[in-house]
Amino acid sequence: MFTGLIEEVGVVSAIVRGSKSLRLTIYAKKIIPDIKTGDSVSVNGICLTVTGSGRNHINVDIVEETLSRSSLAKLKMGDKVNLERALLLTTRLGGHIMTGHIDGVAEIRGKIAKDEGFELLLAVPKELGRYFVPKGSVGIEGVSLTVARITAEGVHVAVIPYTAQNTTMAIKNIGDKVNIEVDILSKYLEGLLQGEAPGQSEKVMLSAGFMPLGIWDN
C-alpha cells in the first residue's frame, strides 16, 4: 500500500528490454538506505518489486501485463520517475490509500497556470469517468492529487507548488500519457452497491459515510 506522497524523484540510468519484459535500473539516494531486495516500491504509481539494489540504485522488473496497461514501456534513459516506498503501519497516512495497481492511462490535454501551481486537464478512459468526483482523490503517476472540477473537456486536477517542485508533475506536457489509479474506496463502494438488493443502496452508502443524492427529499 502507498499514500501518493512521493519520497524521491529517481532517474532511469539503464534499461534492458526483453521480448515481453523490461528491467530498469533507477538512480536514487533517499530511499536506498531503507530498501532491500523483495521490497515493494511505487514507480510512477505502479507497485513493483525491487530485484536488486546498490549504493545508489535499485533494479525493478516489469512484466508484459504491466507494460501493456501503463506508460512504463515509453520510459527512456535519463527520464525522471516518482518513487515511494511501501507504507508503514507506524506512518501517518497523508495523501490517500493507493495500491499501486493502476486502472488505466490518461492523456494530458491542458496545463493551466494557477498562481504558483497549475491544473492539469486530463482525458481519462471513458470506463473510469464514473470514479471521478469534484474534490475527490486520484493517483496520477503515483502522486496523490485532488480533482478540482469536472467539465465537458475532461478532468481537472490541482497541482500545488510543493508537489510541482518535488515530483515529475512540473515536467509533464500536453500530449503526455500518465498512469491513473482511481480511489480504491469508490471501487469498493461500487462493488457493495452492485451486490445489494433493491432499496438497500442508501443503507450501504450511509454506512460508508456517503450521502446519496435526493435523501433530503424525505
N, C-alpha and C. Protein backbone atom coordinates (compact mmCIF):
# COMPACT_ATOMS: atom_id res chain seq x y z
N MET A 1 0.84 -1.19 0.00
CA MET A 1 0.00 0.00 0.00
C MET A 1 0.88 1.25 0.00
N PHE A 2 0.36 2.31 -0.60
CA PHE A 2 1.09 3.57 -0.71
C PHE A 2 0.16 4.73 -0.37
N THR A 3 0.75 5.92 -0.26
CA THR A 3 -0.05 7.10 0.09
C THR A 3 -0.12 8.13 -1.02
N GLY A 4 0.75 8.02 -2.02
CA GLY A 4 0.79 9.04 -3.06
C GLY A 4 1.62 10.25 -2.70
N LEU A 5 2.35 10.17 -1.58
CA LEU A 5 3.28 11.23 -1.20
C LEU A 5 4.68 10.79 -1.65
N ILE A 6 5.16 11.39 -2.70
CA ILE A 6 6.41 10.96 -3.33
C ILE A 6 7.60 11.27 -2.42
N GLU A 7 8.46 10.27 -2.25
CA GLU A 7 9.63 10.43 -1.39
C GLU A 7 10.85 10.95 -2.15
N GLU A 8 10.92 10.60 -3.42
CA GLU A 8 12.10 10.98 -4.19
C GLU A 8 11.80 10.87 -5.68
N VAL A 9 12.44 11.74 -6.46
CA VAL A 9 12.39 11.62 -7.91
C VAL A 9 13.68 10.95 -8.35
N GLY A 10 13.56 9.73 -8.88
CA GLY A 10 14.72 9.00 -9.36
C GLY A 10 14.94 9.23 -10.84
N VAL A 11 16.03 8.67 -11.36
CA VAL A 11 16.37 8.81 -12.78
C VAL A 11 16.67 7.44 -13.36
N VAL A 12 16.07 7.14 -14.50
CA VAL A 12 16.32 5.87 -15.18
C VAL A 12 17.75 5.88 -15.72
N SER A 13 18.60 5.00 -15.20
CA SER A 13 20.01 5.00 -15.60
C SER A 13 20.38 3.84 -16.51
N ALA A 14 19.51 2.82 -16.60
CA ALA A 14 19.76 1.70 -17.51
C ALA A 14 18.45 1.00 -17.83
N ILE A 15 18.34 0.49 -19.05
CA ILE A 15 17.14 -0.23 -19.49
C ILE A 15 17.58 -1.49 -20.23
N VAL A 16 17.05 -2.63 -19.82
CA VAL A 16 17.27 -3.88 -20.53
C VAL A 16 15.91 -4.36 -21.01
N ARG A 17 15.74 -4.42 -22.31
CA ARG A 17 14.45 -4.80 -22.89
C ARG A 17 14.47 -6.27 -23.30
N GLY A 18 13.50 -7.02 -22.78
CA GLY A 18 13.31 -8.39 -23.21
C GLY A 18 12.23 -8.43 -24.27
N SER A 19 11.89 -9.61 -24.74
CA SER A 19 10.86 -9.72 -25.77
C SER A 19 9.50 -9.28 -25.25
N LYS A 20 9.23 -9.55 -23.96
CA LYS A 20 7.95 -9.17 -23.37
C LYS A 20 8.12 -8.62 -21.96
N SER A 21 9.29 -8.08 -21.68
CA SER A 21 9.55 -7.58 -20.33
C SER A 21 10.54 -6.43 -20.39
N LEU A 22 10.76 -5.84 -19.23
CA LEU A 22 11.64 -4.68 -19.14
C LEU A 22 12.32 -4.71 -17.77
N ARG A 23 13.63 -4.45 -17.75
CA ARG A 23 14.33 -4.31 -16.48
C ARG A 23 14.90 -2.89 -16.42
N LEU A 24 14.56 -2.18 -15.34
CA LEU A 24 15.03 -0.82 -15.16
C LEU A 24 16.03 -0.74 -14.02
N THR A 25 17.06 0.05 -14.22
CA THR A 25 17.93 0.47 -13.13
C THR A 25 17.63 1.93 -12.89
N ILE A 26 17.29 2.26 -11.66
CA ILE A 26 16.88 3.62 -11.32
C ILE A 26 17.83 4.20 -10.30
N TYR A 27 18.44 5.32 -10.65
CA TYR A 27 19.33 6.02 -9.74
C TYR A 27 18.49 6.70 -8.66
N ALA A 28 18.87 6.50 -7.41
CA ALA A 28 18.16 7.09 -6.28
C ALA A 28 19.13 7.28 -5.12
N LYS A 29 18.74 8.12 -4.17
CA LYS A 29 19.56 8.36 -2.98
C LYS A 29 18.77 8.16 -1.69
N LYS A 30 17.68 8.89 -1.58
CA LYS A 30 16.96 8.97 -0.31
C LYS A 30 16.40 7.63 0.14
N ILE A 31 15.84 6.84 -0.78
CA ILE A 31 15.17 5.60 -0.38
C ILE A 31 16.14 4.44 -0.22
N ILE A 32 17.37 4.57 -0.68
CA ILE A 32 18.32 3.46 -0.72
C ILE A 32 18.63 2.86 0.66
N PRO A 33 18.92 3.67 1.70
CA PRO A 33 19.33 3.08 2.98
C PRO A 33 18.30 2.14 3.61
N ASP A 34 17.03 2.30 3.24
CA ASP A 34 15.98 1.53 3.89
C ASP A 34 15.24 0.65 2.89
N ILE A 35 15.95 0.15 1.90
CA ILE A 35 15.29 -0.70 0.91
C ILE A 35 16.15 -1.93 0.64
N LYS A 36 15.49 -3.04 0.36
CA LYS A 36 16.23 -4.29 0.11
C LYS A 36 15.50 -5.11 -0.94
N THR A 37 16.19 -6.09 -1.46
CA THR A 37 15.60 -6.97 -2.46
C THR A 37 14.33 -7.62 -1.92
N GLY A 38 13.28 -7.58 -2.73
CA GLY A 38 11.99 -8.14 -2.34
C GLY A 38 11.01 -7.10 -1.85
N ASP A 39 11.49 -5.89 -1.53
CA ASP A 39 10.60 -4.83 -1.09
C ASP A 39 9.74 -4.33 -2.25
N SER A 40 8.61 -3.75 -1.91
CA SER A 40 7.76 -3.11 -2.91
C SER A 40 8.09 -1.63 -3.00
N VAL A 41 8.06 -1.11 -4.22
CA VAL A 41 8.29 0.31 -4.44
C VAL A 41 7.35 0.78 -5.54
N SER A 42 6.82 1.97 -5.37
CA SER A 42 5.96 2.56 -6.39
C SER A 42 6.82 3.37 -7.35
N VAL A 43 6.76 3.01 -8.63
CA VAL A 43 7.48 3.73 -9.69
C VAL A 43 6.44 4.32 -10.63
N ASN A 44 6.31 5.64 -10.58
CA ASN A 44 5.26 6.33 -11.36
C ASN A 44 3.89 5.73 -11.10
N GLY A 45 3.67 5.36 -9.84
CA GLY A 45 2.35 4.89 -9.43
C GLY A 45 2.13 3.40 -9.54
N ILE A 46 3.13 2.65 -10.00
CA ILE A 46 2.96 1.22 -10.20
C ILE A 46 3.79 0.45 -9.17
N CYS A 47 3.15 -0.45 -8.48
CA CYS A 47 3.82 -1.25 -7.46
C CYS A 47 4.71 -2.29 -8.14
N LEU A 48 6.02 -2.17 -7.90
CA LEU A 48 7.00 -3.10 -8.46
C LEU A 48 7.84 -3.70 -7.35
N THR A 49 8.44 -4.83 -7.62
CA THR A 49 9.31 -5.50 -6.65
C THR A 49 10.76 -5.14 -6.93
N VAL A 50 11.48 -4.76 -5.89
CA VAL A 50 12.90 -4.48 -6.02
C VAL A 50 13.64 -5.80 -6.19
N THR A 51 14.30 -5.97 -7.34
CA THR A 51 15.00 -7.22 -7.62
C THR A 51 16.49 -7.12 -7.34
N GLY A 52 16.95 -5.94 -6.99
CA GLY A 52 18.36 -5.74 -6.65
C GLY A 52 18.58 -4.28 -6.31
N SER A 53 19.62 -4.00 -5.56
CA SER A 53 19.91 -2.61 -5.20
C SER A 53 21.41 -2.47 -4.95
N GLY A 54 21.88 -1.24 -5.02
CA GLY A 54 23.28 -0.94 -4.76
C GLY A 54 23.40 0.35 -3.99
N ARG A 55 24.58 0.93 -3.98
CA ARG A 55 24.84 2.13 -3.19
C ARG A 55 23.99 3.31 -3.65
N ASN A 56 23.64 3.35 -4.92
CA ASN A 56 22.88 4.49 -5.43
C ASN A 56 21.86 4.10 -6.50
N HIS A 57 21.36 2.85 -6.42
CA HIS A 57 20.38 2.46 -7.43
C HIS A 57 19.53 1.29 -6.95
N ILE A 58 18.39 1.12 -7.63
CA ILE A 58 17.56 -0.07 -7.45
C ILE A 58 17.27 -0.66 -8.83
N ASN A 59 16.99 -1.94 -8.87
CA ASN A 59 16.57 -2.62 -10.09
C ASN A 59 15.13 -3.10 -9.92
N VAL A 60 14.34 -2.96 -10.96
CA VAL A 60 12.97 -3.47 -10.95
C VAL A 60 12.68 -4.14 -12.29
N ASP A 61 11.90 -5.23 -12.24
CA ASP A 61 11.49 -5.92 -13.46
C ASP A 61 10.02 -5.65 -13.73
N ILE A 62 9.69 -5.46 -15.00
CA ILE A 62 8.32 -5.13 -15.40
C ILE A 62 7.85 -6.17 -16.41
N VAL A 63 6.74 -6.81 -16.13
CA VAL A 63 6.25 -7.89 -16.98
C VAL A 63 5.32 -7.35 -18.07
N GLU A 64 4.96 -8.22 -19.00
CA GLU A 64 4.17 -7.83 -20.16
C GLU A 64 2.84 -7.19 -19.78
N GLU A 65 2.14 -7.75 -18.81
CA GLU A 65 0.84 -7.22 -18.40
C GLU A 65 0.96 -5.77 -17.96
N THR A 66 1.96 -5.47 -17.13
CA THR A 66 2.16 -4.10 -16.65
C THR A 66 2.54 -3.17 -17.79
N LEU A 67 3.40 -3.63 -18.70
CA LEU A 67 3.80 -2.80 -19.83
C LEU A 67 2.61 -2.43 -20.71
N SER A 68 1.67 -3.37 -20.87
CA SER A 68 0.52 -3.13 -21.75
C SER A 68 -0.50 -2.20 -21.14
N ARG A 69 -0.48 -2.05 -19.82
CA ARG A 69 -1.51 -1.26 -19.15
C ARG A 69 -1.00 0.05 -18.56
N SER A 70 0.26 0.37 -18.81
CA SER A 70 0.83 1.57 -18.20
C SER A 70 1.68 2.32 -19.20
N SER A 71 2.28 3.42 -18.73
CA SER A 71 3.16 4.22 -19.58
C SER A 71 4.62 3.84 -19.41
N LEU A 72 4.92 2.80 -18.62
CA LEU A 72 6.31 2.46 -18.33
C LEU A 72 7.08 2.02 -19.57
N ALA A 73 6.40 1.45 -20.56
CA ALA A 73 7.08 0.99 -21.77
C ALA A 73 7.73 2.14 -22.53
N LYS A 74 7.26 3.35 -22.30
CA LYS A 74 7.77 4.52 -23.02
C LYS A 74 8.96 5.18 -22.33
N LEU A 75 9.36 4.66 -21.16
CA LEU A 75 10.48 5.28 -20.45
C LEU A 75 11.78 5.18 -21.26
N LYS A 76 12.60 6.23 -21.13
CA LYS A 76 13.89 6.28 -21.81
C LYS A 76 14.99 6.57 -20.80
N MET A 77 16.21 6.33 -21.20
CA MET A 77 17.36 6.65 -20.36
C MET A 77 17.33 8.14 -20.00
N GLY A 78 17.52 8.43 -18.72
CA GLY A 78 17.52 9.82 -18.27
C GLY A 78 16.17 10.34 -17.83
N ASP A 79 15.09 9.57 -18.08
CA ASP A 79 13.76 10.01 -17.65
C ASP A 79 13.67 10.00 -16.12
N LYS A 80 12.93 10.96 -15.59
CA LYS A 80 12.71 11.03 -14.15
C LYS A 80 11.44 10.27 -13.79
N VAL A 81 11.47 9.61 -12.62
CA VAL A 81 10.32 8.82 -12.18
C VAL A 81 10.04 9.10 -10.71
N ASN A 82 8.76 9.06 -10.35
CA ASN A 82 8.35 9.25 -8.96
C ASN A 82 8.52 7.95 -8.19
N LEU A 83 9.15 8.05 -7.01
CA LEU A 83 9.41 6.87 -6.19
C LEU A 83 8.78 7.01 -4.81
N GLU A 84 8.17 5.93 -4.33
CA GLU A 84 7.63 5.88 -2.97
C GLU A 84 7.76 4.46 -2.45
N ARG A 85 8.32 4.32 -1.25
CA ARG A 85 8.38 3.01 -0.61
C ARG A 85 7.00 2.65 -0.05
N ALA A 86 6.79 1.37 0.20
CA ALA A 86 5.51 0.91 0.74
C ALA A 86 5.23 1.55 2.10
N LEU A 87 3.97 1.75 2.38
CA LEU A 87 3.51 2.40 3.61
C LEU A 87 3.82 1.54 4.83
N LEU A 88 4.33 2.18 5.89
CA LEU A 88 4.49 1.51 7.18
C LEU A 88 3.27 1.77 8.04
N LEU A 89 2.89 0.81 8.87
CA LEU A 89 1.73 1.00 9.74
C LEU A 89 1.97 2.07 10.79
N THR A 90 3.23 2.41 11.02
CA THR A 90 3.57 3.44 12.02
C THR A 90 3.64 4.84 11.40
N THR A 91 3.34 4.94 10.10
CA THR A 91 3.45 6.21 9.39
C THR A 91 2.10 6.91 9.33
N ARG A 92 2.11 8.25 9.42
CA ARG A 92 0.88 9.00 9.21
C ARG A 92 0.39 8.78 7.78
N LEU A 93 -0.91 8.62 7.63
CA LEU A 93 -1.49 8.38 6.31
C LEU A 93 -1.84 9.72 5.66
N GLY A 94 -0.85 10.35 5.03
CA GLY A 94 -1.12 11.53 4.24
C GLY A 94 -1.61 11.09 2.88
N GLY A 95 -1.91 12.03 2.01
CA GLY A 95 -2.39 11.64 0.69
C GLY A 95 -3.66 10.83 0.78
N HIS A 96 -3.73 9.69 0.12
CA HIS A 96 -4.86 8.77 0.25
C HIS A 96 -4.36 7.36 -0.02
N ILE A 97 -5.16 6.36 0.31
CA ILE A 97 -4.76 4.96 0.16
C ILE A 97 -4.64 4.62 -1.32
N MET A 98 -3.46 4.11 -1.69
CA MET A 98 -3.21 3.70 -3.07
C MET A 98 -2.60 2.30 -3.07
N THR A 99 -2.94 1.51 -4.06
CA THR A 99 -2.47 0.12 -4.13
C THR A 99 -1.26 -0.06 -5.04
N GLY A 100 -1.06 0.87 -5.95
CA GLY A 100 -0.01 0.70 -6.94
C GLY A 100 -0.44 -0.16 -8.11
N HIS A 101 -1.74 -0.50 -8.17
CA HIS A 101 -2.30 -1.25 -9.30
C HIS A 101 -3.13 -0.26 -10.13
N ILE A 102 -2.54 0.24 -11.18
CA ILE A 102 -3.19 1.32 -11.91
C ILE A 102 -4.40 0.81 -12.68
N ASP A 103 -5.31 1.76 -12.98
CA ASP A 103 -6.56 1.41 -13.65
C ASP A 103 -6.55 1.77 -15.13
N GLY A 104 -5.61 2.60 -15.54
CA GLY A 104 -5.57 2.99 -16.94
C GLY A 104 -4.57 4.11 -17.16
N VAL A 105 -4.56 4.59 -18.40
CA VAL A 105 -3.66 5.67 -18.79
C VAL A 105 -4.49 6.82 -19.34
N ALA A 106 -4.19 8.03 -18.88
CA ALA A 106 -4.88 9.23 -19.36
C ALA A 106 -3.92 10.08 -20.17
N GLU A 107 -4.47 10.98 -20.97
CA GLU A 107 -3.66 11.89 -21.76
C GLU A 107 -3.83 13.31 -21.24
N ILE A 108 -2.73 14.03 -21.12
CA ILE A 108 -2.79 15.43 -20.69
C ILE A 108 -3.23 16.27 -21.88
N ARG A 109 -4.36 16.97 -21.74
CA ARG A 109 -4.90 17.81 -22.81
C ARG A 109 -4.71 19.30 -22.54
N GLY A 110 -4.33 19.63 -21.32
CA GLY A 110 -4.12 21.04 -20.99
C GLY A 110 -3.32 21.20 -19.73
N LYS A 111 -2.63 22.33 -19.62
CA LYS A 111 -1.84 22.66 -18.43
C LYS A 111 -2.07 24.15 -18.17
N ILE A 112 -2.81 24.44 -17.10
CA ILE A 112 -3.30 25.80 -16.85
C ILE A 112 -2.63 26.36 -15.60
N ALA A 113 -1.93 27.47 -15.73
CA ALA A 113 -1.26 28.09 -14.59
C ALA A 113 -2.28 28.59 -13.58
N LYS A 114 -2.02 28.34 -12.30
CA LYS A 114 -2.86 28.80 -11.20
C LYS A 114 -1.95 29.33 -10.11
N ASP A 115 -1.74 30.66 -10.08
CA ASP A 115 -0.77 31.27 -9.17
C ASP A 115 0.59 30.58 -9.36
N GLU A 116 1.15 29.99 -8.30
CA GLU A 116 2.44 29.33 -8.42
C GLU A 116 2.31 27.85 -8.78
N GLY A 117 1.09 27.34 -8.74
CA GLY A 117 0.85 25.97 -9.13
C GLY A 117 0.18 25.91 -10.49
N PHE A 118 -0.51 24.81 -10.77
CA PHE A 118 -1.21 24.68 -12.04
C PHE A 118 -2.26 23.58 -11.96
N GLU A 119 -3.10 23.53 -12.98
CA GLU A 119 -4.05 22.45 -13.14
C GLU A 119 -3.71 21.67 -14.40
N LEU A 120 -3.88 20.36 -14.32
CA LEU A 120 -3.76 19.52 -15.49
C LEU A 120 -5.16 19.13 -15.95
N LEU A 121 -5.40 19.22 -17.23
CA LEU A 121 -6.65 18.76 -17.82
C LEU A 121 -6.39 17.40 -18.43
N LEU A 122 -7.13 16.40 -17.95
CA LEU A 122 -6.90 15.02 -18.36
C LEU A 122 -8.07 14.46 -19.15
N ALA A 123 -7.74 13.77 -20.23
CA ALA A 123 -8.73 12.97 -20.94
C ALA A 123 -8.58 11.55 -20.40
N VAL A 124 -9.56 11.11 -19.61
CA VAL A 124 -9.47 9.81 -18.96
C VAL A 124 -10.28 8.78 -19.74
N PRO A 125 -9.91 7.51 -19.65
CA PRO A 125 -10.70 6.47 -20.32
C PRO A 125 -12.17 6.54 -19.91
N LYS A 126 -13.04 6.36 -20.86
CA LYS A 126 -14.48 6.50 -20.62
C LYS A 126 -14.96 5.63 -19.48
N GLU A 127 -14.43 4.41 -19.39
CA GLU A 127 -14.90 3.48 -18.36
C GLU A 127 -14.49 3.88 -16.95
N LEU A 128 -13.57 4.84 -16.82
CA LEU A 128 -13.14 5.28 -15.50
C LEU A 128 -13.81 6.57 -15.06
N GLY A 129 -14.55 7.20 -15.96
CA GLY A 129 -15.14 8.50 -15.65
C GLY A 129 -16.02 8.52 -14.42
N ARG A 130 -16.72 7.43 -14.15
CA ARG A 130 -17.66 7.40 -13.03
C ARG A 130 -16.96 7.44 -11.67
N TYR A 131 -15.65 7.21 -11.63
CA TYR A 131 -14.93 7.20 -10.36
C TYR A 131 -14.40 8.58 -9.95
N PHE A 132 -14.59 9.57 -10.80
CA PHE A 132 -14.08 10.91 -10.50
C PHE A 132 -15.21 11.79 -9.97
N VAL A 133 -14.93 12.47 -8.85
CA VAL A 133 -15.87 13.43 -8.28
C VAL A 133 -15.10 14.67 -7.88
N PRO A 134 -15.72 15.86 -7.97
CA PRO A 134 -15.03 17.08 -7.53
C PRO A 134 -14.56 16.97 -6.08
N LYS A 135 -13.35 17.39 -5.83
CA LYS A 135 -12.70 17.35 -4.51
C LYS A 135 -12.32 15.94 -4.08
N GLY A 136 -12.50 14.97 -4.95
CA GLY A 136 -12.10 13.60 -4.65
C GLY A 136 -10.61 13.41 -4.91
N SER A 137 -10.11 12.24 -4.58
CA SER A 137 -8.69 11.93 -4.74
C SER A 137 -8.46 11.04 -5.96
N VAL A 138 -7.27 11.20 -6.56
CA VAL A 138 -6.87 10.35 -7.68
C VAL A 138 -5.36 10.27 -7.67
N GLY A 139 -4.83 9.11 -8.06
CA GLY A 139 -3.39 8.94 -8.19
C GLY A 139 -2.96 9.17 -9.63
N ILE A 140 -2.07 10.14 -9.85
CA ILE A 140 -1.53 10.43 -11.17
C ILE A 140 -0.02 10.22 -11.12
N GLU A 141 0.49 9.23 -11.86
CA GLU A 141 1.93 8.93 -11.84
C GLU A 141 2.42 8.66 -10.41
N GLY A 142 1.54 8.10 -9.59
CA GLY A 142 1.90 7.79 -8.22
C GLY A 142 1.73 8.93 -7.25
N VAL A 143 1.26 10.09 -7.73
CA VAL A 143 1.11 11.27 -6.88
C VAL A 143 -0.36 11.41 -6.48
N SER A 144 -0.61 11.58 -5.19
CA SER A 144 -1.97 11.80 -4.70
C SER A 144 -2.38 13.23 -5.02
N LEU A 145 -3.40 13.39 -5.86
CA LEU A 145 -3.87 14.71 -6.27
C LEU A 145 -5.36 14.83 -6.04
N THR A 146 -5.82 16.07 -6.02
CA THR A 146 -7.24 16.37 -5.80
C THR A 146 -7.91 16.78 -7.11
N VAL A 147 -9.07 16.22 -7.36
CA VAL A 147 -9.86 16.61 -8.54
C VAL A 147 -10.44 17.99 -8.27
N ALA A 148 -10.03 18.97 -9.07
CA ALA A 148 -10.51 20.34 -8.89
C ALA A 148 -11.92 20.49 -9.41
N ARG A 149 -12.16 19.99 -10.59
CA ARG A 149 -13.51 20.06 -11.18
C ARG A 149 -13.57 19.13 -12.38
N ILE A 150 -14.79 18.86 -12.82
CA ILE A 150 -15.02 18.02 -13.98
C ILE A 150 -15.84 18.83 -14.99
N THR A 151 -15.36 18.94 -16.21
CA THR A 151 -16.05 19.70 -17.24
C THR A 151 -16.26 18.82 -18.46
N ALA A 152 -16.88 19.40 -19.48
CA ALA A 152 -17.08 18.67 -20.73
C ALA A 152 -15.75 18.34 -21.39
N GLU A 153 -14.71 19.12 -21.05
CA GLU A 153 -13.39 18.90 -21.64
C GLU A 153 -12.66 17.72 -21.03
N GLY A 154 -12.95 17.47 -19.75
CA GLY A 154 -12.26 16.38 -19.07
C GLY A 154 -12.16 16.62 -17.58
N VAL A 155 -11.19 15.97 -16.96
CA VAL A 155 -10.98 16.05 -15.51
C VAL A 155 -9.82 17.00 -15.22
N HIS A 156 -10.08 18.00 -14.36
CA HIS A 156 -9.05 18.95 -13.96
C HIS A 156 -8.51 18.54 -12.59
N VAL A 157 -7.19 18.40 -12.47
CA VAL A 157 -6.57 18.07 -11.18
C VAL A 157 -5.63 19.20 -10.78
N ALA A 158 -5.65 19.52 -9.48
CA ALA A 158 -4.85 20.62 -8.97
C ALA A 158 -3.46 20.14 -8.55
N VAL A 159 -2.45 20.91 -8.91
CA VAL A 159 -1.07 20.62 -8.52
C VAL A 159 -0.52 21.83 -7.79
N ILE A 160 -0.28 21.69 -6.48
CA ILE A 160 0.23 22.81 -5.70
C ILE A 160 1.73 22.97 -5.94
N PRO A 161 2.29 24.15 -5.61
CA PRO A 161 3.73 24.37 -5.87
C PRO A 161 4.65 23.32 -5.27
N TYR A 162 4.38 22.88 -4.04
CA TYR A 162 5.25 21.87 -3.40
C TYR A 162 5.28 20.59 -4.22
N THR A 163 4.11 20.15 -4.67
CA THR A 163 4.04 18.93 -5.46
C THR A 163 4.76 19.11 -6.79
N ALA A 164 4.60 20.26 -7.41
CA ALA A 164 5.28 20.54 -8.68
C ALA A 164 6.79 20.47 -8.52
N GLN A 165 7.29 20.94 -7.40
CA GLN A 165 8.73 21.00 -7.18
C GLN A 165 9.33 19.67 -6.75
N ASN A 166 8.52 18.77 -6.21
CA ASN A 166 9.06 17.54 -5.62
C ASN A 166 8.60 16.26 -6.32
N THR A 167 8.00 16.40 -7.48
CA THR A 167 7.58 15.24 -8.27
C THR A 167 7.87 15.54 -9.74
N THR A 168 7.44 14.64 -10.61
CA THR A 168 7.62 14.87 -12.05
C THR A 168 6.47 15.66 -12.66
N MET A 169 5.51 16.11 -11.87
CA MET A 169 4.35 16.79 -12.42
C MET A 169 4.72 18.04 -13.22
N ALA A 170 5.74 18.78 -12.76
CA ALA A 170 6.11 20.04 -13.42
C ALA A 170 6.64 19.82 -14.83
N ILE A 171 7.21 18.65 -15.10
CA ILE A 171 7.80 18.42 -16.42
C ILE A 171 6.85 17.69 -17.36
N LYS A 172 5.63 17.45 -16.91
CA LYS A 172 4.64 16.84 -17.79
C LYS A 172 4.09 17.88 -18.76
N ASN A 173 3.89 17.47 -20.00
CA ASN A 173 3.43 18.39 -21.03
C ASN A 173 2.19 17.88 -21.73
N ILE A 174 1.54 18.75 -22.47
CA ILE A 174 0.35 18.37 -23.23
C ILE A 174 0.72 17.25 -24.21
N GLY A 175 -0.10 16.24 -24.21
CA GLY A 175 0.16 15.07 -25.06
C GLY A 175 0.80 13.91 -24.33
N ASP A 176 1.37 14.18 -23.15
CA ASP A 176 1.98 13.10 -22.37
C ASP A 176 0.91 12.14 -21.84
N LYS A 177 1.27 10.87 -21.74
CA LYS A 177 0.40 9.86 -21.15
C LYS A 177 0.81 9.63 -19.70
N VAL A 178 -0.17 9.54 -18.80
CA VAL A 178 0.12 9.37 -17.38
C VAL A 178 -0.70 8.22 -16.81
N ASN A 179 -0.11 7.53 -15.83
CA ASN A 179 -0.77 6.41 -15.16
C ASN A 179 -1.82 6.92 -14.18
N ILE A 180 -2.98 6.28 -14.20
CA ILE A 180 -4.11 6.68 -13.36
C ILE A 180 -4.48 5.55 -12.41
N GLU A 181 -4.64 5.88 -11.13
CA GLU A 181 -5.26 4.95 -10.18
C GLU A 181 -6.41 5.68 -9.49
N VAL A 182 -7.62 5.21 -9.71
CA VAL A 182 -8.78 5.86 -9.09
C VAL A 182 -8.84 5.47 -7.62
N ASP A 183 -9.62 6.21 -6.86
CA ASP A 183 -9.74 5.98 -5.42
C ASP A 183 -10.31 4.59 -5.16
N ILE A 184 -9.56 3.77 -4.45
CA ILE A 184 -9.97 2.39 -4.18
C ILE A 184 -11.29 2.33 -3.42
N LEU A 185 -11.56 3.34 -2.58
CA LEU A 185 -12.81 3.34 -1.81
C LEU A 185 -14.02 3.42 -2.73
N SER A 186 -13.89 4.17 -3.85
CA SER A 186 -15.02 4.28 -4.77
C SER A 186 -15.30 2.94 -5.44
N LYS A 187 -14.26 2.15 -5.69
CA LYS A 187 -14.48 0.84 -6.32
C LYS A 187 -15.09 -0.15 -5.34
N TYR A 188 -14.66 -0.08 -4.07
CA TYR A 188 -15.27 -0.94 -3.06
C TYR A 188 -16.76 -0.61 -2.90
N LEU A 189 -17.05 0.70 -2.87
CA LEU A 189 -18.44 1.13 -2.72
C LEU A 189 -19.28 0.67 -3.90
N GLU A 190 -18.73 0.79 -5.09
CA GLU A 190 -19.44 0.34 -6.28
C GLU A 190 -19.75 -1.15 -6.20
N GLY A 191 -18.76 -1.93 -5.74
CA GLY A 191 -18.98 -3.36 -5.62
C GLY A 191 -20.06 -3.69 -4.61
N LEU A 192 -20.08 -2.96 -3.50
CA LEU A 192 -21.12 -3.18 -2.49
C LEU A 192 -22.51 -2.87 -3.04
N LEU A 193 -22.61 -1.75 -3.75
CA LEU A 193 -23.91 -1.34 -4.27
C LEU A 193 -24.42 -2.31 -5.34
N GLN A 194 -23.52 -2.82 -6.15
CA GLN A 194 -23.93 -3.76 -7.19
C GLN A 194 -24.41 -5.08 -6.60
N GLY A 195 -23.93 -5.41 -5.40
CA GLY A 195 -24.30 -6.67 -4.77
C GLY A 195 -25.51 -6.57 -3.88
N GLU A 196 -26.03 -5.33 -3.67
CA GLU A 196 -27.17 -5.15 -2.77
C GLU A 196 -28.50 -5.33 -3.48
N ALA A 197 -29.49 -5.76 -2.73
CA ALA A 197 -30.84 -5.88 -3.25
C ALA A 197 -31.44 -4.49 -3.42
N PRO A 198 -32.47 -4.33 -4.29
CA PRO A 198 -33.11 -3.04 -4.46
C PRO A 198 -33.57 -2.45 -3.13
N GLY A 199 -33.32 -1.15 -2.95
CA GLY A 199 -33.74 -0.49 -1.72
C GLY A 199 -32.68 -0.48 -0.63
N GLN A 200 -31.57 -1.19 -0.85
CA GLN A 200 -30.54 -1.28 0.17
C GLN A 200 -29.36 -0.34 -0.08
N SER A 201 -29.30 0.29 -1.26
CA SER A 201 -28.13 1.08 -1.63
C SER A 201 -27.91 2.25 -0.69
N GLU A 202 -29.01 2.91 -0.24
CA GLU A 202 -28.84 4.06 0.65
C GLU A 202 -28.22 3.63 1.97
N LYS A 203 -28.61 2.46 2.47
CA LYS A 203 -28.04 1.97 3.74
C LYS A 203 -26.54 1.75 3.59
N VAL A 204 -26.13 1.18 2.46
CA VAL A 204 -24.71 0.92 2.22
C VAL A 204 -23.95 2.23 2.15
N MET A 205 -24.50 3.21 1.43
CA MET A 205 -23.81 4.49 1.26
C MET A 205 -23.69 5.23 2.58
N LEU A 206 -24.74 5.19 3.38
CA LEU A 206 -24.70 5.87 4.67
C LEU A 206 -23.68 5.21 5.59
N SER A 207 -23.60 3.89 5.56
CA SER A 207 -22.64 3.20 6.42
C SER A 207 -21.21 3.48 6.01
N ALA A 208 -21.02 3.83 4.72
CA ALA A 208 -19.69 4.15 4.22
C ALA A 208 -19.37 5.63 4.36
N GLY A 209 -20.31 6.40 4.86
CA GLY A 209 -20.06 7.83 5.07
C GLY A 209 -20.46 8.70 3.90
N PHE A 210 -21.25 8.19 2.95
CA PHE A 210 -21.67 8.95 1.79
C PHE A 210 -23.14 9.33 1.94
N MET A 211 -23.50 10.50 1.41
CA MET A 211 -24.88 10.95 1.44
C MET A 211 -25.49 10.81 0.04
N PRO A 212 -26.40 9.89 -0.17
CA PRO A 212 -26.98 9.70 -1.50
C PRO A 212 -27.73 10.93 -1.97
N LEU A 213 -27.71 11.19 -3.26
CA LEU A 213 -28.47 12.30 -3.82
C LEU A 213 -29.97 12.07 -3.60
N GLY A 214 -30.66 13.10 -3.21
CA GLY A 214 -32.10 13.01 -3.03
C GLY A 214 -32.54 12.56 -1.66
N ILE A 215 -31.59 12.27 -0.75
CA ILE A 215 -32.01 11.78 0.55
C ILE A 215 -32.73 12.84 1.35
N TRP A 216 -32.44 14.11 1.02
CA TRP A 216 -33.11 15.20 1.77
C TRP A 216 -34.55 15.40 1.32
N ASP A 217 -35.00 14.69 0.30
CA ASP A 217 -36.37 14.86 -0.18
C ASP A 217 -37.37 14.23 0.77
N ASN A 218 -36.91 13.36 1.67
CA ASN A 218 -37.84 12.66 2.58
C ASN A 218 -38.17 13.50 3.79
